[in-house]
Amino acid sequence: VDSVYVYADIVEPIFAAKCMDCHNDEVQRGGLNMATFEQMVEGGDHGAVFLAGDATESELFRRVTLMPDHAKYMPLKGEPMSFQEIRLLEWWLDGDASEEMKIKPKEVLPSIASILEKDYGVDLTEKPYFEKVQVEKVSNQIITDLEAAGFQVDYLMEDNGWLEVSATKS
């Protein structure tokens, strides 16, 4: 979770699929180029298209949430953003709307967490320590020696070296 960049890993792929046909290096409808984050921040003919911290004040958000028959609705052609994509865009815009924004599990609303898990495989469930740290497995000889000394030895997980060792003799 701490290595997921919200813009690069979630928002930009949505823009690439839904916006880039009309807002790229070759075509800049409304003067907006979304080919890079920096170009998008520059905005279009009418200025900035988003305001960090408030999705409702962002032209970008307004355009994707208009009625589909509205002349300013985006995208003009192609598949529109899904409800989940719009919710993620809103979450990013309501946050700091930066390239550096990362997921902070304790600050993510359950509805956003659900979308992140279902659509992106990002599980925000708090993990026990032994699931977070990869430990190298010990040799079979060490396990044999421990068992011979009167201990019961079990791996906590198949793909990790964490052991549970308990005394079997008093």
N, C-alpha and C. Protein backbone atom coordinates (compact mmCIF):
# COMPACT_ATOMS: atom_id res chain seq x y z
N VAL A 1 0.82 -1.20 0.00
CA VAL A 1 0.00 0.00 0.00
C VAL A 1 0.86 1.26 0.00
N ASP A 2 1.94 1.26 0.76
CA ASP A 2 2.75 2.48 0.86
C ASP A 2 3.55 2.78 -0.40
N SER A 3 3.52 1.89 -1.38
CA SER A 3 4.23 2.16 -2.63
C SER A 3 3.28 2.57 -3.76
N VAL A 4 2.00 2.71 -3.47
CA VAL A 4 1.02 3.10 -4.49
C VAL A 4 0.93 4.61 -4.53
N TYR A 5 1.21 5.16 -5.71
CA TYR A 5 1.02 6.59 -5.95
C TYR A 5 -0.36 6.75 -6.58
N VAL A 6 -1.22 7.50 -5.94
CA VAL A 6 -2.61 7.62 -6.37
C VAL A 6 -2.69 8.14 -7.80
N TYR A 7 -1.92 9.16 -8.14
CA TYR A 7 -2.01 9.69 -9.50
C TYR A 7 -1.47 8.69 -10.52
N ALA A 8 -0.24 8.26 -10.37
CA ALA A 8 0.41 7.40 -11.37
C ALA A 8 -0.25 6.03 -11.48
N ASP A 9 -0.68 5.47 -10.37
CA ASP A 9 -1.19 4.10 -10.38
C ASP A 9 -2.70 3.99 -10.53
N ILE A 10 -3.43 5.05 -10.24
CA ILE A 10 -4.89 4.97 -10.28
C ILE A 10 -5.51 6.03 -11.20
N VAL A 11 -5.22 7.30 -10.94
CA VAL A 11 -5.88 8.39 -11.66
C VAL A 11 -5.38 8.53 -13.09
N GLU A 12 -4.09 8.53 -13.29
CA GLU A 12 -3.53 8.71 -14.64
C GLU A 12 -4.00 7.62 -15.61
N PRO A 13 -4.05 6.35 -15.19
CA PRO A 13 -4.59 5.34 -16.11
C PRO A 13 -6.06 5.58 -16.49
N ILE A 14 -6.83 6.15 -15.57
CA ILE A 14 -8.21 6.52 -15.90
C ILE A 14 -8.19 7.62 -16.96
N PHE A 15 -7.36 8.64 -16.76
CA PHE A 15 -7.24 9.72 -17.74
C PHE A 15 -6.77 9.18 -19.09
N ALA A 16 -5.81 8.27 -19.06
CA ALA A 16 -5.27 7.70 -20.30
C ALA A 16 -6.38 7.00 -21.09
N ALA A 17 -7.25 6.30 -20.39
CA ALA A 17 -8.32 5.56 -21.05
C ALA A 17 -9.49 6.44 -21.47
N LYS A 18 -9.77 7.49 -20.71
CA LYS A 18 -11.00 8.25 -20.93
C LYS A 18 -10.80 9.66 -21.49
N CYS A 19 -9.59 10.23 -21.37
CA CYS A 19 -9.40 11.64 -21.71
C CYS A 19 -8.35 11.89 -22.78
N MET A 20 -7.38 11.00 -22.88
CA MET A 20 -6.20 11.28 -23.70
C MET A 20 -6.44 11.31 -25.20
N ASP A 21 -7.56 10.75 -25.69
CA ASP A 21 -7.83 10.83 -27.12
C ASP A 21 -8.00 12.28 -27.58
N CYS A 22 -8.50 13.14 -26.69
CA CYS A 22 -8.76 14.53 -27.05
C CYS A 22 -7.85 15.53 -26.35
N HIS A 23 -7.03 15.07 -25.42
CA HIS A 23 -6.18 15.98 -24.63
C HIS A 23 -4.78 15.40 -24.53
N ASN A 24 -4.05 15.47 -25.64
CA ASN A 24 -2.71 14.88 -25.70
C ASN A 24 -1.75 15.82 -26.42
N ASP A 25 -0.58 15.36 -26.74
CA ASP A 25 0.42 16.22 -27.41
C ASP A 25 -0.01 16.64 -28.81
N GLU A 26 -0.80 15.84 -29.51
CA GLU A 26 -1.23 16.18 -30.86
C GLU A 26 -2.56 16.94 -30.88
N VAL A 27 -3.50 16.54 -30.03
CA VAL A 27 -4.83 17.14 -29.97
C VAL A 27 -5.02 17.73 -28.58
N GLN A 28 -5.36 19.02 -28.54
CA GLN A 28 -5.59 19.66 -27.25
C GLN A 28 -6.91 20.41 -27.28
N ARG A 29 -7.99 19.67 -27.22
CA ARG A 29 -9.30 20.30 -27.22
C ARG A 29 -9.41 21.21 -26.01
N GLY A 30 -9.91 22.40 -26.24
CA GLY A 30 -10.02 23.39 -25.16
C GLY A 30 -8.67 23.84 -24.65
N GLY A 31 -7.62 23.56 -25.43
CA GLY A 31 -6.27 23.96 -25.03
C GLY A 31 -5.67 23.10 -23.93
N LEU A 32 -6.33 22.01 -23.58
CA LEU A 32 -5.86 21.17 -22.48
C LEU A 32 -5.06 19.97 -22.99
N ASN A 33 -3.85 19.83 -22.46
CA ASN A 33 -3.00 18.68 -22.76
C ASN A 33 -2.82 17.91 -21.45
N MET A 34 -3.22 16.65 -21.45
CA MET A 34 -3.10 15.82 -20.25
C MET A 34 -2.02 14.76 -20.40
N ALA A 35 -1.12 14.96 -21.37
CA ALA A 35 -0.07 13.98 -21.62
C ALA A 35 0.86 13.82 -20.43
N THR A 36 1.09 14.89 -19.69
CA THR A 36 1.90 14.81 -18.47
C THR A 36 1.15 15.54 -17.35
N PHE A 37 1.52 15.24 -16.15
CA PHE A 37 0.90 15.90 -15.00
C PHE A 37 1.13 17.40 -15.08
N GLU A 38 2.35 17.81 -15.40
CA GLU A 38 2.69 19.23 -15.46
C GLU A 38 1.84 19.96 -16.49
N GLN A 39 1.64 19.34 -17.66
CA GLN A 39 0.83 19.97 -18.70
C GLN A 39 -0.64 20.08 -18.26
N MET A 40 -1.12 19.06 -17.57
CA MET A 40 -2.50 19.10 -17.09
C MET A 40 -2.66 20.21 -16.06
N VAL A 41 -1.68 20.38 -15.18
CA VAL A 41 -1.75 21.43 -14.15
C VAL A 41 -1.82 22.81 -14.80
N GLU A 42 -1.16 22.98 -15.94
CA GLU A 42 -1.20 24.27 -16.65
C GLU A 42 -2.61 24.64 -17.06
N GLY A 43 -3.44 23.62 -17.27
CA GLY A 43 -4.83 23.87 -17.63
C GLY A 43 -5.03 24.10 -19.11
N GLY A 44 -6.20 24.60 -19.44
CA GLY A 44 -6.56 24.81 -20.84
C GLY A 44 -6.83 26.27 -21.13
N ASP A 45 -7.64 26.49 -22.15
CA ASP A 45 -7.97 27.85 -22.59
C ASP A 45 -8.62 28.69 -21.49
N HIS A 46 -9.31 28.04 -20.58
CA HIS A 46 -10.03 28.76 -19.53
C HIS A 46 -9.37 28.61 -18.16
N GLY A 47 -8.08 28.27 -18.16
CA GLY A 47 -7.34 28.17 -16.90
C GLY A 47 -7.26 26.77 -16.34
N ALA A 48 -7.05 26.72 -15.05
CA ALA A 48 -6.86 25.45 -14.35
C ALA A 48 -8.10 24.57 -14.46
N VAL A 49 -7.88 23.26 -14.56
CA VAL A 49 -9.00 22.33 -14.66
C VAL A 49 -9.30 21.63 -13.34
N PHE A 50 -8.42 21.80 -12.36
CA PHE A 50 -8.73 21.22 -11.05
C PHE A 50 -8.11 22.04 -9.94
N LEU A 51 -8.73 21.90 -8.78
CA LEU A 51 -8.29 22.58 -7.58
C LEU A 51 -8.09 21.53 -6.51
N ALA A 52 -6.86 21.38 -6.04
CA ALA A 52 -6.57 20.39 -5.00
C ALA A 52 -7.35 20.75 -3.74
N GLY A 53 -7.92 19.73 -3.12
CA GLY A 53 -8.63 19.92 -1.87
C GLY A 53 -10.12 20.10 -2.00
N ASP A 54 -10.63 20.25 -3.24
CA ASP A 54 -12.07 20.46 -3.40
C ASP A 54 -12.51 20.03 -4.80
N ALA A 55 -12.98 18.81 -4.89
CA ALA A 55 -13.41 18.29 -6.19
C ALA A 55 -14.54 19.12 -6.78
N THR A 56 -15.44 19.61 -5.95
CA THR A 56 -16.60 20.34 -6.47
C THR A 56 -16.22 21.66 -7.13
N GLU A 57 -15.03 22.17 -6.84
CA GLU A 57 -14.56 23.40 -7.47
C GLU A 57 -13.67 23.12 -8.69
N SER A 58 -13.55 21.87 -9.07
CA SER A 58 -12.68 21.48 -10.18
C SER A 58 -13.48 21.31 -11.46
N GLU A 59 -13.07 22.03 -12.49
CA GLU A 59 -13.74 21.94 -13.79
C GLU A 59 -13.68 20.51 -14.32
N LEU A 60 -12.58 19.85 -14.11
CA LEU A 60 -12.42 18.47 -14.54
C LEU A 60 -13.51 17.58 -13.93
N PHE A 61 -13.73 17.70 -12.65
CA PHE A 61 -14.75 16.90 -11.97
C PHE A 61 -16.15 17.29 -12.45
N ARG A 62 -16.37 18.58 -12.60
CA ARG A 62 -17.68 19.06 -13.06
C ARG A 62 -18.03 18.47 -14.42
N ARG A 63 -17.05 18.44 -15.31
CA ARG A 63 -17.31 17.96 -16.68
C ARG A 63 -17.67 16.47 -16.72
N VAL A 64 -17.04 15.66 -15.90
CA VAL A 64 -17.32 14.22 -15.94
C VAL A 64 -18.58 13.85 -15.16
N THR A 65 -19.14 14.83 -14.42
CA THR A 65 -20.36 14.54 -13.65
C THR A 65 -21.59 15.27 -14.20
N LEU A 66 -21.44 15.96 -15.32
CA LEU A 66 -22.60 16.57 -15.97
C LEU A 66 -23.50 15.47 -16.55
N MET A 67 -24.70 15.83 -16.91
CA MET A 67 -25.58 14.88 -17.60
C MET A 67 -24.95 14.54 -18.95
N PRO A 68 -24.99 13.30 -19.36
CA PRO A 68 -24.34 12.90 -20.61
C PRO A 68 -24.80 13.66 -21.86
N ASP A 69 -26.00 14.22 -21.85
CA ASP A 69 -26.46 14.96 -23.03
C ASP A 69 -26.05 16.44 -23.00
N HIS A 70 -25.37 16.86 -21.94
CA HIS A 70 -24.91 18.25 -21.82
C HIS A 70 -23.76 18.48 -22.81
N ALA A 71 -23.71 19.67 -23.42
CA ALA A 71 -22.68 19.99 -24.42
C ALA A 71 -21.27 19.96 -23.85
N LYS A 72 -21.11 20.20 -22.56
CA LYS A 72 -19.78 20.24 -21.93
C LYS A 72 -19.39 18.93 -21.25
N TYR A 73 -20.25 17.91 -21.34
CA TYR A 73 -19.98 16.62 -20.71
C TYR A 73 -18.72 15.98 -21.29
N MET A 74 -17.93 15.37 -20.44
CA MET A 74 -16.72 14.69 -20.88
C MET A 74 -16.75 13.24 -20.42
N PRO A 75 -16.25 12.35 -21.23
CA PRO A 75 -15.66 12.58 -22.54
C PRO A 75 -16.73 12.73 -23.62
N LEU A 76 -16.39 13.51 -24.64
CA LEU A 76 -17.33 13.72 -25.74
C LEU A 76 -17.57 12.44 -26.52
N LYS A 77 -16.51 11.64 -26.64
CA LYS A 77 -16.65 10.36 -27.36
C LYS A 77 -15.95 9.28 -26.53
N GLY A 78 -16.30 8.07 -26.83
CA GLY A 78 -15.72 6.96 -26.09
C GLY A 78 -16.52 6.66 -24.83
N GLU A 79 -16.01 5.73 -24.07
CA GLU A 79 -16.70 5.28 -22.86
C GLU A 79 -16.52 6.29 -21.73
N PRO A 80 -17.62 6.68 -21.08
CA PRO A 80 -17.51 7.63 -19.96
C PRO A 80 -16.89 6.96 -18.74
N MET A 81 -16.48 7.79 -17.79
CA MET A 81 -15.95 7.26 -16.54
C MET A 81 -17.04 6.52 -15.80
N SER A 82 -16.66 5.42 -15.18
CA SER A 82 -17.61 4.67 -14.36
C SER A 82 -17.83 5.41 -13.04
N PHE A 83 -18.85 5.00 -12.32
CA PHE A 83 -19.11 5.59 -11.01
C PHE A 83 -17.88 5.44 -10.11
N GLN A 84 -17.25 4.26 -10.14
CA GLN A 84 -16.07 4.00 -9.32
C GLN A 84 -14.91 4.91 -9.71
N GLU A 85 -14.71 5.11 -11.01
CA GLU A 85 -13.64 5.99 -11.47
C GLU A 85 -13.89 7.43 -11.04
N ILE A 86 -15.13 7.87 -11.12
CA ILE A 86 -15.48 9.22 -10.69
C ILE A 86 -15.25 9.37 -9.19
N ARG A 87 -15.61 8.37 -8.42
CA ARG A 87 -15.38 8.42 -6.96
C ARG A 87 -13.89 8.50 -6.65
N LEU A 88 -13.06 7.75 -7.38
CA LEU A 88 -11.61 7.81 -7.17
C LEU A 88 -11.06 9.18 -7.56
N LEU A 89 -11.54 9.73 -8.65
CA LEU A 89 -11.13 11.06 -9.07
C LEU A 89 -11.51 12.08 -8.00
N GLU A 90 -12.71 11.99 -7.50
CA GLU A 90 -13.17 12.90 -6.44
C GLU A 90 -12.29 12.77 -5.19
N TRP A 91 -11.97 11.55 -4.81
CA TRP A 91 -11.12 11.30 -3.64
C TRP A 91 -9.74 11.92 -3.83
N TRP A 92 -9.15 11.75 -5.03
CA TRP A 92 -7.84 12.34 -5.33
C TRP A 92 -7.92 13.86 -5.29
N LEU A 93 -8.94 14.43 -5.93
CA LEU A 93 -9.10 15.89 -5.95
C LEU A 93 -9.36 16.45 -4.55
N ASP A 94 -10.15 15.77 -3.74
CA ASP A 94 -10.42 16.22 -2.38
C ASP A 94 -9.18 16.10 -1.50
N GLY A 95 -8.26 15.25 -1.90
CA GLY A 95 -6.97 15.14 -1.20
C GLY A 95 -6.05 16.24 -1.68
N ASP A 96 -4.78 15.93 -1.83
CA ASP A 96 -3.87 16.99 -2.28
C ASP A 96 -3.71 17.02 -3.80
N ALA A 97 -4.34 16.09 -4.50
CA ALA A 97 -4.34 16.06 -5.97
C ALA A 97 -2.95 16.28 -6.55
N SER A 98 -1.97 15.64 -5.96
CA SER A 98 -0.60 15.78 -6.45
C SER A 98 -0.11 14.48 -7.06
N GLU A 99 1.04 14.55 -7.68
CA GLU A 99 1.68 13.33 -8.19
C GLU A 99 2.22 12.48 -7.04
N GLU A 100 2.52 13.10 -5.92
CA GLU A 100 3.15 12.42 -4.79
C GLU A 100 2.15 11.81 -3.81
N MET A 101 0.87 12.08 -3.98
CA MET A 101 -0.13 11.58 -3.03
C MET A 101 -0.07 10.06 -2.98
N LYS A 102 0.01 9.55 -1.75
CA LYS A 102 0.00 8.10 -1.53
C LYS A 102 -1.22 7.73 -0.70
N ILE A 103 -1.54 6.47 -0.71
CA ILE A 103 -2.68 5.99 0.06
C ILE A 103 -2.30 5.94 1.53
N LYS A 104 -3.13 6.56 2.35
CA LYS A 104 -2.96 6.51 3.80
C LYS A 104 -4.13 5.69 4.33
N PRO A 105 -3.91 4.39 4.58
CA PRO A 105 -5.02 3.48 4.89
C PRO A 105 -5.99 3.98 5.95
N LYS A 106 -5.51 4.61 6.99
CA LYS A 106 -6.40 5.04 8.07
C LYS A 106 -7.25 6.23 7.69
N GLU A 107 -6.93 6.90 6.57
CA GLU A 107 -7.68 8.08 6.13
C GLU A 107 -8.61 7.78 4.96
N VAL A 108 -8.62 6.56 4.48
CA VAL A 108 -9.43 6.21 3.31
C VAL A 108 -10.83 5.80 3.75
N LEU A 109 -11.82 6.43 3.16
CA LEU A 109 -13.21 6.09 3.45
C LEU A 109 -13.48 4.64 3.05
N PRO A 110 -14.36 3.95 3.77
CA PRO A 110 -14.66 2.56 3.43
C PRO A 110 -15.12 2.37 1.98
N SER A 111 -15.89 3.32 1.45
CA SER A 111 -16.36 3.20 0.06
C SER A 111 -15.20 3.25 -0.93
N ILE A 112 -14.20 4.07 -0.65
CA ILE A 112 -13.02 4.16 -1.51
C ILE A 112 -12.16 2.91 -1.32
N ALA A 113 -12.01 2.47 -0.09
CA ALA A 113 -11.24 1.25 0.19
C ALA A 113 -11.82 0.07 -0.57
N SER A 114 -13.14 0.00 -0.63
CA SER A 114 -13.81 -1.08 -1.35
C SER A 114 -13.48 -1.04 -2.84
N ILE A 115 -13.50 0.14 -3.43
CA ILE A 115 -13.17 0.29 -4.85
C ILE A 115 -11.71 -0.08 -5.09
N LEU A 116 -10.82 0.41 -4.22
CA LEU A 116 -9.40 0.12 -4.38
C LEU A 116 -9.13 -1.38 -4.31
N GLU A 117 -9.82 -2.06 -3.41
CA GLU A 117 -9.60 -3.50 -3.28
C GLU A 117 -10.21 -4.26 -4.46
N LYS A 118 -11.45 -3.94 -4.79
CA LYS A 118 -12.16 -4.67 -5.85
C LYS A 118 -11.55 -4.43 -7.23
N ASP A 119 -11.28 -3.18 -7.56
CA ASP A 119 -10.85 -2.84 -8.92
C ASP A 119 -9.34 -2.80 -9.12
N TYR A 120 -8.58 -2.62 -8.02
CA TYR A 120 -7.13 -2.45 -8.14
C TYR A 120 -6.32 -3.44 -7.31
N GLY A 121 -7.01 -4.28 -6.55
CA GLY A 121 -6.31 -5.28 -5.73
C GLY A 121 -5.52 -4.69 -4.58
N VAL A 122 -5.87 -3.48 -4.17
CA VAL A 122 -5.18 -2.82 -3.06
C VAL A 122 -5.95 -3.11 -1.78
N ASP A 123 -5.38 -3.95 -0.94
CA ASP A 123 -6.01 -4.35 0.31
C ASP A 123 -5.52 -3.45 1.43
N LEU A 124 -6.43 -2.66 2.01
CA LEU A 124 -6.07 -1.72 3.07
C LEU A 124 -6.28 -2.30 4.47
N THR A 125 -6.62 -3.56 4.55
CA THR A 125 -6.82 -4.20 5.84
C THR A 125 -5.50 -4.21 6.61
N GLU A 126 -5.56 -3.81 7.87
CA GLU A 126 -4.36 -3.81 8.71
C GLU A 126 -3.85 -5.24 8.84
N LYS A 127 -2.58 -5.41 8.57
CA LYS A 127 -1.97 -6.73 8.61
C LYS A 127 -1.17 -6.92 9.89
N PRO A 128 -1.18 -8.15 10.43
CA PRO A 128 -0.30 -8.42 11.56
C PRO A 128 1.16 -8.30 11.11
N TYR A 129 2.01 -8.03 12.05
CA TYR A 129 3.42 -7.81 11.76
C TYR A 129 4.02 -8.93 10.92
N PHE A 130 3.71 -10.18 11.27
CA PHE A 130 4.36 -11.29 10.57
C PHE A 130 3.93 -11.40 9.11
N GLU A 131 2.84 -10.75 8.72
CA GLU A 131 2.45 -10.75 7.31
C GLU A 131 3.15 -9.63 6.54
N LYS A 132 3.66 -8.63 7.23
CA LYS A 132 4.30 -7.50 6.58
C LYS A 132 5.77 -7.74 6.29
N VAL A 133 6.41 -8.61 7.07
CA VAL A 133 7.85 -8.79 6.98
C VAL A 133 8.16 -10.18 6.44
N GLN A 134 8.96 -10.23 5.41
CA GLN A 134 9.38 -11.51 4.82
C GLN A 134 10.61 -12.02 5.58
N VAL A 135 10.53 -13.26 6.05
CA VAL A 135 11.62 -13.87 6.79
C VAL A 135 12.09 -15.10 6.03
N GLU A 136 13.40 -15.25 5.92
CA GLU A 136 13.97 -16.39 5.22
C GLU A 136 13.70 -17.67 6.01
N LYS A 137 13.34 -18.73 5.30
CA LYS A 137 13.07 -20.01 5.96
C LYS A 137 14.37 -20.61 6.50
N VAL A 138 14.26 -21.28 7.64
CA VAL A 138 15.42 -21.95 8.23
C VAL A 138 15.58 -23.32 7.57
N SER A 139 16.73 -23.91 7.75
CA SER A 139 16.98 -25.21 7.14
C SER A 139 16.16 -26.30 7.83
N ASN A 140 15.92 -27.36 7.12
CA ASN A 140 15.20 -28.50 7.69
C ASN A 140 15.97 -29.09 8.87
N GLN A 141 17.29 -28.99 8.85
CA GLN A 141 18.10 -29.52 9.94
C GLN A 141 17.80 -28.78 11.25
N ILE A 142 17.63 -27.48 11.20
CA ILE A 142 17.32 -26.71 12.41
C ILE A 142 15.97 -27.14 12.96
N ILE A 143 14.99 -27.33 12.08
CA ILE A 143 13.67 -27.77 12.52
C ILE A 143 13.77 -29.16 13.15
N THR A 144 14.52 -30.04 12.52
CA THR A 144 14.72 -31.39 13.06
C THR A 144 15.37 -31.34 14.43
N ASP A 145 16.39 -30.49 14.59
CA ASP A 145 17.07 -30.35 15.88
C ASP A 145 16.14 -29.82 16.96
N LEU A 146 15.30 -28.83 16.61
CA LEU A 146 14.35 -28.28 17.58
C LEU A 146 13.34 -29.35 18.00
N GLU A 147 12.84 -30.09 17.04
CA GLU A 147 11.87 -31.15 17.36
C GLU A 147 12.51 -32.23 18.22
N ALA A 148 13.77 -32.57 17.94
CA ALA A 148 14.49 -33.56 18.74
C ALA A 148 14.71 -33.06 20.17
N ALA A 149 14.80 -31.74 20.33
CA ALA A 149 15.00 -31.17 21.66
C ALA A 149 13.68 -31.00 22.42
N GLY A 150 12.57 -31.43 21.81
CA GLY A 150 11.30 -31.40 22.50
C GLY A 150 10.39 -30.24 22.15
N PHE A 151 10.62 -29.63 21.03
CA PHE A 151 9.78 -28.50 20.60
C PHE A 151 8.91 -28.91 19.43
N GLN A 152 7.73 -28.31 19.36
CA GLN A 152 6.88 -28.46 18.19
C GLN A 152 7.11 -27.23 17.32
N VAL A 153 7.35 -27.45 16.04
CA VAL A 153 7.68 -26.35 15.13
C VAL A 153 6.69 -26.35 13.97
N ASP A 154 6.06 -25.20 13.75
CA ASP A 154 5.12 -25.04 12.64
C ASP A 154 5.39 -23.72 11.94
N TYR A 155 5.29 -23.72 10.61
CA TYR A 155 5.36 -22.47 9.85
C TYR A 155 4.04 -21.74 10.00
N LEU A 156 4.10 -20.42 10.21
CA LEU A 156 2.88 -19.62 10.31
C LEU A 156 2.24 -19.40 8.94
N MET A 157 3.09 -19.36 7.91
CA MET A 157 2.62 -19.13 6.56
C MET A 157 3.45 -19.99 5.61
N GLU A 158 2.85 -20.43 4.53
CA GLU A 158 3.56 -21.28 3.57
C GLU A 158 4.70 -20.55 2.87
N ASP A 159 4.48 -19.29 2.55
CA ASP A 159 5.45 -18.56 1.72
C ASP A 159 6.35 -17.63 2.53
N ASN A 160 6.47 -17.88 3.81
CA ASN A 160 7.30 -17.02 4.67
C ASN A 160 7.96 -17.90 5.72
N GLY A 161 9.05 -17.43 6.28
CA GLY A 161 9.83 -18.24 7.22
C GLY A 161 9.45 -18.11 8.67
N TRP A 162 8.40 -17.36 8.98
CA TRP A 162 7.98 -17.22 10.38
C TRP A 162 7.60 -18.58 10.94
N LEU A 163 8.13 -18.87 12.12
CA LEU A 163 7.84 -20.14 12.80
C LEU A 163 7.11 -19.89 14.10
N GLU A 164 6.29 -20.88 14.46
CA GLU A 164 5.72 -20.92 15.80
C GLU A 164 6.39 -22.13 16.48
N VAL A 165 7.08 -21.86 17.55
CA VAL A 165 7.81 -22.90 18.25
C VAL A 165 7.25 -22.98 19.67
N SER A 166 6.83 -24.17 20.06
CA SER A 166 6.30 -24.36 21.42
C SER A 166 6.89 -25.62 22.04
N ALA A 167 7.02 -25.58 23.34
CA ALA A 167 7.60 -26.72 24.06
C ALA A 167 6.57 -27.85 24.13
N THR A 168 7.03 -29.08 23.88
CA THR A 168 6.13 -30.23 23.98
C THR A 168 6.42 -31.06 25.22
N LYS A 169 7.61 -30.86 25.81
CA LYS A 169 7.99 -31.57 27.02
C LYS A 169 8.11 -30.58 28.16
N SER A 170 7.89 -31.06 29.38
CA SER A 170 8.05 -30.16 30.53
C SER A 170 9.42 -30.32 31.13
